[in-house]
Amino acid sequence: MAELATIARPYAEALFKAARADLAATQGWLDGLAGAAGSDELLQFAANPKVEAEQVFDLVGSVLKSPLPPQGVNFLRTVIDNDRLAALPEMARQFRLLANGVSGSADALIQSAFPIGEAELAALVATLEQRFGRKLQASVQVDPELIGGVRVTVGDEVLDTSVKARLDQMKMALTA
């Protein structure tokens, strides 16, 4: 089977072209679909040859928080009809990259050893936006293994100022 990224790309690009007028709203319902499609139980249900496409569509629609707009309904039906439900999370990721490219922003994953307060997060994001040269949409993850500091991932760039990274660097220097 082809790589999920290869399968997802044409769907993400087509949806991006069709939804240029309201990328944020499209990203919202697409993220909801991707979350639902990330369920192993749903994928197993959809893969059952006795289950019809309409049943899969109804199940996905029932787990969403809000009803899909007409464009979302058409998109989901196309994905289900072409047996591409497993690629939906990758479609959402690629759509987000395309939308971020238009707005000049990027997603940033901030991993911290401890929870970050709102004021600290705002100051950190402002500093990171200067460092990376673009607007960042930050999400925070707590990872106690970092011991202290933060690890920031923006696209394929990683800024690791954690205590764990510094200890690893010291270990490499001492053993070399």
C-alpha atoms as a PDB file:
ATOM      1  CA  MET A   1       0.000   0.000   0.000  1.00  0.00           C
ATOM      2  CA  ALA A   2       1.198   3.501  -0.771  1.00  0.00           C
ATOM      3  CA  GLU A   3       2.456   5.710   2.003  1.00  0.00           C
ATOM      4  CA  LEU A   4      -0.307   7.613   3.813  1.00  0.00           C
ATOM      5  CA  ALA A   5       1.274  10.952   2.928  1.00  0.00           C
ATOM      6  CA  THR A   6       1.104  10.094  -0.758  1.00  0.00           C
ATOM      7  CA  ILE A   7      -2.530   9.050  -0.466  1.00  0.00           C
ATOM      8  CA  ALA A   8      -3.498  12.093   1.614  1.00  0.00           C
ATOM      9  CA  ARG A   9      -1.794  14.785  -0.487  1.00  0.00           C
ATOM     10  CA  PRO A  10      -4.326  15.027  -3.356  1.00  0.00           C
ATOM     11  CA  TYR A  11      -7.252  15.104  -0.920  1.00  0.00           C
ATOM     12  CA  ALA A  12      -5.637  17.827   1.195  1.00  0.00           C
ATOM     13  CA  GLU A  13      -4.741  19.904  -1.851  1.00  0.00           C
ATOM     14  CA  ALA A  14      -8.202  19.591  -3.394  1.00  0.00           C
ATOM     15  CA  LEU A  15      -9.894  20.536  -0.129  1.00  0.00           C
ATOM     16  CA  PHE A  16      -7.480  23.447   0.295  1.00  0.00           C
ATOM     17  CA  LYS A  17      -8.361  24.799  -3.160  1.00  0.00           C
ATOM     18  CA  ALA A  18     -12.078  24.408  -2.513  1.00  0.00           C
ATOM     19  CA  ALA A  19     -11.979  25.945   0.975  1.00  0.00           C
ATOM     20  CA  ARG A  20      -9.698  28.950   0.453  1.00  0.00           C
ATOM     21  CA  ALA A  21     -12.517  31.297   1.473  1.00  0.00           C
ATOM     22  CA  ASP A  22     -12.688  29.926   5.030  1.00  0.00           C
ATOM     23  CA  LEU A  23      -9.600  27.920   5.923  1.00  0.00           C
ATOM     24  CA  ALA A  24     -10.062  28.196   9.697  1.00  0.00           C
ATOM     25  CA  ALA A  25     -13.583  26.761   9.694  1.00  0.00           C
ATOM     26  CA  THR A  26     -12.534  23.994   7.331  1.00  0.00           C
ATOM     27  CA  GLN A  27      -9.584  23.153   9.560  1.00  0.00           C
ATOM     28  CA  GLY A  28     -11.972  22.933  12.513  1.00  0.00           C
ATOM     29  CA  TRP A  29     -14.281  20.325  11.046  1.00  0.00           C
ATOM     30  CA  LEU A  30     -11.394  18.504   9.363  1.00  0.00           C
ATOM     31  CA  ASP A  31      -9.639  18.145  12.724  1.00  0.00           C
ATOM     32  CA  GLY A  32     -12.858  16.671  14.121  1.00  0.00           C
ATOM     33  CA  LEU A  33     -12.968  14.127  11.299  1.00  0.00           C
ATOM     34  CA  ALA A  34      -9.298  13.310  11.793  1.00  0.00           C
ATOM     35  CA  GLY A  35      -9.875  12.743  15.507  1.00  0.00           C
ATOM     36  CA  ALA A  36     -12.724  10.362  14.774  1.00  0.00           C
ATOM     37  CA  ALA A  37     -10.729   8.549  12.092  1.00  0.00           C
ATOM     38  CA  GLY A  38      -7.872   8.070  14.530  1.00  0.00           C
ATOM     39  CA  SER A  39      -9.940   5.480  16.384  1.00  0.00           C
ATOM     40  CA  ASP A  40      -8.860   1.892  15.752  1.00  0.00           C
ATOM     41  CA  GLU A  41     -12.385   0.674  16.471  1.00  0.00           C
ATOM     42  CA  LEU A  42     -13.833   2.934  13.785  1.00  0.00           C
ATOM     43  CA  LEU A  43     -11.246   1.809  11.238  1.00  0.00           C
ATOM     44  CA  GLN A  44     -11.973  -1.844  12.044  1.00  0.00           C
ATOM     45  CA  PHE A  45     -15.698  -1.193  11.659  1.00  0.00           C
ATOM     46  CA  ALA A  46     -15.143   0.553   8.307  1.00  0.00           C
ATOM     47  CA  ALA A  47     -12.903  -2.271   7.067  1.00  0.00           C
ATOM     48  CA  ASN A  48     -15.611  -4.883   7.653  1.00  0.00           C
ATOM     49  CA  PRO A  49     -16.884  -5.964   4.213  1.00  0.00           C
ATOM     50  CA  LYS A  50     -20.430  -6.369   5.577  1.00  0.00           C
ATOM     51  CA  VAL A  51     -20.572  -2.700   6.579  1.00  0.00           C
ATOM     52  CA  GLU A  52     -21.867  -0.270   3.966  1.00  0.00           C
ATOM     53  CA  ALA A  53     -20.424   3.181   3.319  1.00  0.00           C
ATOM     54  CA  GLU A  54     -23.619   4.854   4.590  1.00  0.00           C
ATOM     55  CA  GLN A  55     -23.246   3.083   7.955  1.00  0.00           C
ATOM     56  CA  VAL A  56     -19.656   4.313   8.280  1.00  0.00           C
ATOM     57  CA  PHE A  57     -20.753   7.838   7.338  1.00  0.00           C
ATOM     58  CA  ASP A  58     -23.552   7.785   9.943  1.00  0.00           C
ATOM     59  CA  LEU A  59     -21.171   6.516  12.644  1.00  0.00           C
ATOM     60  CA  VAL A  60     -18.551   9.169  11.944  1.00  0.00           C
ATOM     61  CA  GLY A  61     -21.236  11.863  11.877  1.00  0.00           C
ATOM     62  CA  SER A  62     -22.615  10.688  15.220  1.00  0.00           C
ATOM     63  CA  VAL A  63     -19.286  11.089  17.056  1.00  0.00           C
ATOM     64  CA  LEU A  64     -18.637  14.643  15.852  1.00  0.00           C
ATOM     65  CA  LYS A  65     -19.392  17.513  18.222  1.00  0.00           C
ATOM     66  CA  SER A  66     -21.154  19.569  15.575  1.00  0.00           C
ATOM     67  CA  PRO A  67     -22.771  18.714  12.255  1.00  0.00           C
ATOM     68  CA  LEU A  68     -20.652  18.932   9.132  1.00  0.00           C
ATOM     69  CA  PRO A  69     -21.228  21.707   6.599  1.00  0.00           C
ATOM     70  CA  PRO A  70     -22.205  20.592   3.075  1.00  0.00           C
ATOM     71  CA  GLN A  71     -18.590  20.750   1.951  1.00  0.00           C
ATOM     72  CA  GLY A  72     -17.588  18.522   4.880  1.00  0.00           C
ATOM     73  CA  VAL A  73     -20.345  16.032   4.072  1.00  0.00           C
ATOM     74  CA  ASN A  74     -19.148  15.778   0.456  1.00  0.00           C
ATOM     75  CA  PHE A  75     -15.539  15.431   1.540  1.00  0.00           C
ATOM     76  CA  LEU A  76     -16.309  12.698   4.072  1.00  0.00           C
ATOM     77  CA  ARG A  77     -18.447  10.778   1.578  1.00  0.00           C
ATOM     78  CA  THR A  78     -15.609  10.907  -0.968  1.00  0.00           C
ATOM     79  CA  VAL A  79     -13.068   9.711   1.592  1.00  0.00           C
ATOM     80  CA  ILE A  80     -15.297   6.833   2.708  1.00  0.00           C
ATOM     81  CA  ASP A  81     -16.290   5.845  -0.840  1.00  0.00           C
ATOM     82  CA  ASN A  82     -12.620   5.648  -1.830  1.00  0.00           C
ATOM     83  CA  ASP A  83     -11.712   3.677   1.323  1.00  0.00           C
ATOM     84  CA  ARG A  84      -9.328   6.381   2.571  1.00  0.00           C
ATOM     85  CA  LEU A  85     -10.622   6.798   6.124  1.00  0.00           C
ATOM     86  CA  ALA A  86      -7.275   5.763   7.636  1.00  0.00           C
ATOM     87  CA  ALA A  87      -5.563   8.627   5.786  1.00  0.00           C
ATOM     88  CA  LEU A  88      -7.837  11.333   7.262  1.00  0.00           C
ATOM     89  CA  PRO A  89      -5.419  12.360  10.071  1.00  0.00           C
ATOM     90  CA  GLU A  90      -2.655  12.805   7.494  1.00  0.00           C
ATOM     91  CA  MET A  91      -5.041  14.768   5.243  1.00  0.00           C
ATOM     92  CA  ALA A  92      -5.755  17.118   8.150  1.00  0.00           C
ATOM     93  CA  ARG A  93      -2.023  17.520   8.857  1.00  0.00           C
ATOM     94  CA  GLN A  94      -1.238  18.330   5.232  1.00  0.00           C
ATOM     95  CA  PHE A  95      -4.200  20.711   4.990  1.00  0.00           C
ATOM     96  CA  ARG A  96      -2.900  22.526   8.095  1.00  0.00           C
ATOM     97  CA  LEU A  97       0.533  22.884   6.470  1.00  0.00           C
ATOM     98  CA  LEU A  98      -1.026  24.379   3.337  1.00  0.00           C
ATOM     99  CA  ALA A  99      -3.192  26.756   5.371  1.00  0.00           C
ATOM    100  CA  ASN A 100      -0.213  27.788   7.501  1.00  0.00           C
ATOM    101  CA  GLY A 101       1.763  28.529   4.353  1.00  0.00           C
ATOM    102  CA  VAL A 102      -0.869  31.022   3.224  1.00  0.00           C
ATOM    103  CA  SER A 103      -1.055  32.755   6.592  1.00  0.00           C
ATOM    104  CA  GLY A 104       2.718  32.734   7.183  1.00  0.00           C
ATOM    105  CA  SER A 105       2.350  30.825  10.423  1.00  0.00           C
ATOM    106  CA  ALA A 106       3.410  27.433  11.722  1.00  0.00           C
ATOM    107  CA  ASP A 107       2.401  24.931  14.373  1.00  0.00           C
ATOM    108  CA  ALA A 108       4.708  24.705  17.364  1.00  0.00           C
ATOM    109  CA  LEU A 109       4.801  21.866  19.859  1.00  0.00           C
ATOM    110  CA  ILE A 110       6.197  23.061  23.169  1.00  0.00           C
ATOM    111  CA  GLN A 111       7.199  20.262  25.519  1.00  0.00           C
ATOM    112  CA  SER A 112       7.859  21.308  29.081  1.00  0.00           C
ATOM    113  CA  ALA A 113       8.828  19.444  32.234  1.00  0.00           C
ATOM    114  CA  PHE A 114       6.156  21.379  34.155  1.00  0.00           C
ATOM    115  CA  PRO A 115       2.831  23.044  33.271  1.00  0.00           C
ATOM    116  CA  ILE A 116       3.239  26.505  31.751  1.00  0.00           C
ATOM    117  CA  GLY A 117       1.027  29.382  32.894  1.00  0.00           C
ATOM    118  CA  GLU A 118      -0.777  31.645  30.420  1.00  0.00           C
ATOM    119  CA  ALA A 119       1.528  34.643  30.970  1.00  0.00           C
ATOM    120  CA  GLU A 120       4.672  32.500  30.687  1.00  0.00           C
ATOM    121  CA  LEU A 121       3.326  30.838  27.554  1.00  0.00           C
ATOM    122  CA  ALA A 122       2.542  34.181  25.915  1.00  0.00           C
ATOM    123  CA  ALA A 123       6.068  35.453  26.649  1.00  0.00           C
ATOM    124  CA  LEU A 124       7.627  32.203  25.412  1.00  0.00           C
ATOM    125  CA  VAL A 125       5.577  32.230  22.195  1.00  0.00           C
ATOM    126  CA  ALA A 126       6.553  35.876  21.539  1.00  0.00           C
ATOM    127  CA  THR A 127      10.233  34.972  21.940  1.00  0.00           C
ATOM    128  CA  LEU A 128       9.869  31.882  19.754  1.00  0.00           C
ATOM    129  CA  GLU A 129       8.080  33.879  17.040  1.00  0.00           C
ATOM    130  CA  GLN A 130      11.097  36.188  16.888  1.00  0.00           C
ATOM    131  CA  ARG A 131      13.483  33.217  16.844  1.00  0.00           C
ATOM    132  CA  PHE A 132      11.647  31.324  14.085  1.00  0.00           C
ATOM    133  CA  GLY A 133      10.561  34.435  12.160  1.00  0.00           C
ATOM    134  CA  ARG A 134       6.881  33.555  11.815  1.00  0.00           C
ATOM    135  CA  LYS A 135       3.636  33.497  13.750  1.00  0.00           C
ATOM    136  CA  LEU A 136       3.290  30.334  15.817  1.00  0.00           C
ATOM    137  CA  GLN A 137       0.216  28.412  16.878  1.00  0.00           C
ATOM    138  CA  ALA A 138       1.481  26.736  20.027  1.00  0.00           C
ATOM    139  CA  SER A 139       0.331  23.593  21.749  1.00  0.00           C
ATOM    140  CA  VAL A 140       1.855  22.523  25.058  1.00  0.00           C
ATOM    141  CA  GLN A 141       2.703  19.027  26.252  1.00  0.00           C
ATOM    142  CA  VAL A 142       4.035  18.194  29.704  1.00  0.00           C
ATOM    143  CA  ASP A 143       6.950  15.728  29.613  1.00  0.00           C
ATOM    144  CA  PRO A 144       8.510  15.142  33.066  1.00  0.00           C
ATOM    145  CA  GLU A 145      11.469  13.302  31.473  1.00  0.00           C
ATOM    146  CA  LEU A 146      12.844  16.681  30.355  1.00  0.00           C
ATOM    147  CA  ILE A 147      13.632  17.447  34.039  1.00  0.00           C
ATOM    148  CA  GLY A 148      13.522  21.202  33.319  1.00  0.00           C
ATOM    149  CA  GLY A 149      13.428  23.632  30.410  1.00  0.00           C
ATOM    150  CA  VAL A 150      11.541  23.201  27.138  1.00  0.00           C
ATOM    151  CA  ARG A 151      11.822  21.439  23.790  1.00  0.00           C
ATOM    152  CA  VAL A 152      10.164  23.266  20.901  1.00  0.00           C
ATOM    153  CA  THR A 153       9.370  21.637  17.563  1.00  0.00           C
ATOM    154  CA  VAL A 154       8.349  23.837  14.626  1.00  0.00           C
ATOM    155  CA  GLY A 155       8.041  21.815  11.440  1.00  0.00           C
ATOM    156  CA  ASP A 156      11.347  20.003  11.114  1.00  0.00           C
ATOM    157  CA  GLU A 157      13.240  22.412  13.377  1.00  0.00           C
ATOM    158  CA  VAL A 158      13.849  21.515  17.028  1.00  0.00           C
ATOM    159  CA  LEU A 159      15.036  23.886  19.742  1.00  0.00           C
ATOM    160  CA  ASP A 160      15.932  21.830  22.808  1.00  0.00           C
ATOM    161  CA  THR A 161      16.866  23.787  25.923  1.00  0.00           C
ATOM    162  CA  SER A 162      15.867  21.057  28.355  1.00  0.00           C
ATOM    163  CA  VAL A 163      18.002  19.846  31.236  1.00  0.00           C
ATOM    164  CA  LYS A 164      17.840  16.339  29.782  1.00  0.00           C
ATOM    165  CA  ALA A 165      19.396  17.551  26.511  1.00  0.00           C
ATOM    166  CA  ARG A 166      22.176  19.333  28.383  1.00  0.00           C
ATOM    167  CA  LEU A 167      22.875  16.234  30.471  1.00  0.00           C
ATOM    168  CA  ASP A 168      22.996  14.135  27.296  1.00  0.00           C
ATOM    169  CA  GLN A 169      25.475  16.617  25.782  1.00  0.00           C
ATOM    170  CA  MET A 170      27.657  16.447  28.901  1.00  0.00           C
ATOM    171  CA  LYS A 171      27.528  12.652  28.840  1.00  0.00           C
ATOM    172  CA  MET A 172      28.656  12.613  25.191  1.00  0.00           C
ATOM    173  CA  ALA A 173      31.507  15.023  25.941  1.00  0.00           C
ATOM    174  CA  LEU A 174      32.703  12.984  28.917  1.00  0.00           C
ATOM    175  CA  THR A 175      32.583   9.636  27.125  1.00  0.00           C
ATOM    176  CA  ALA A 176      34.250  10.880  23.932  1.00  0.00           C
END
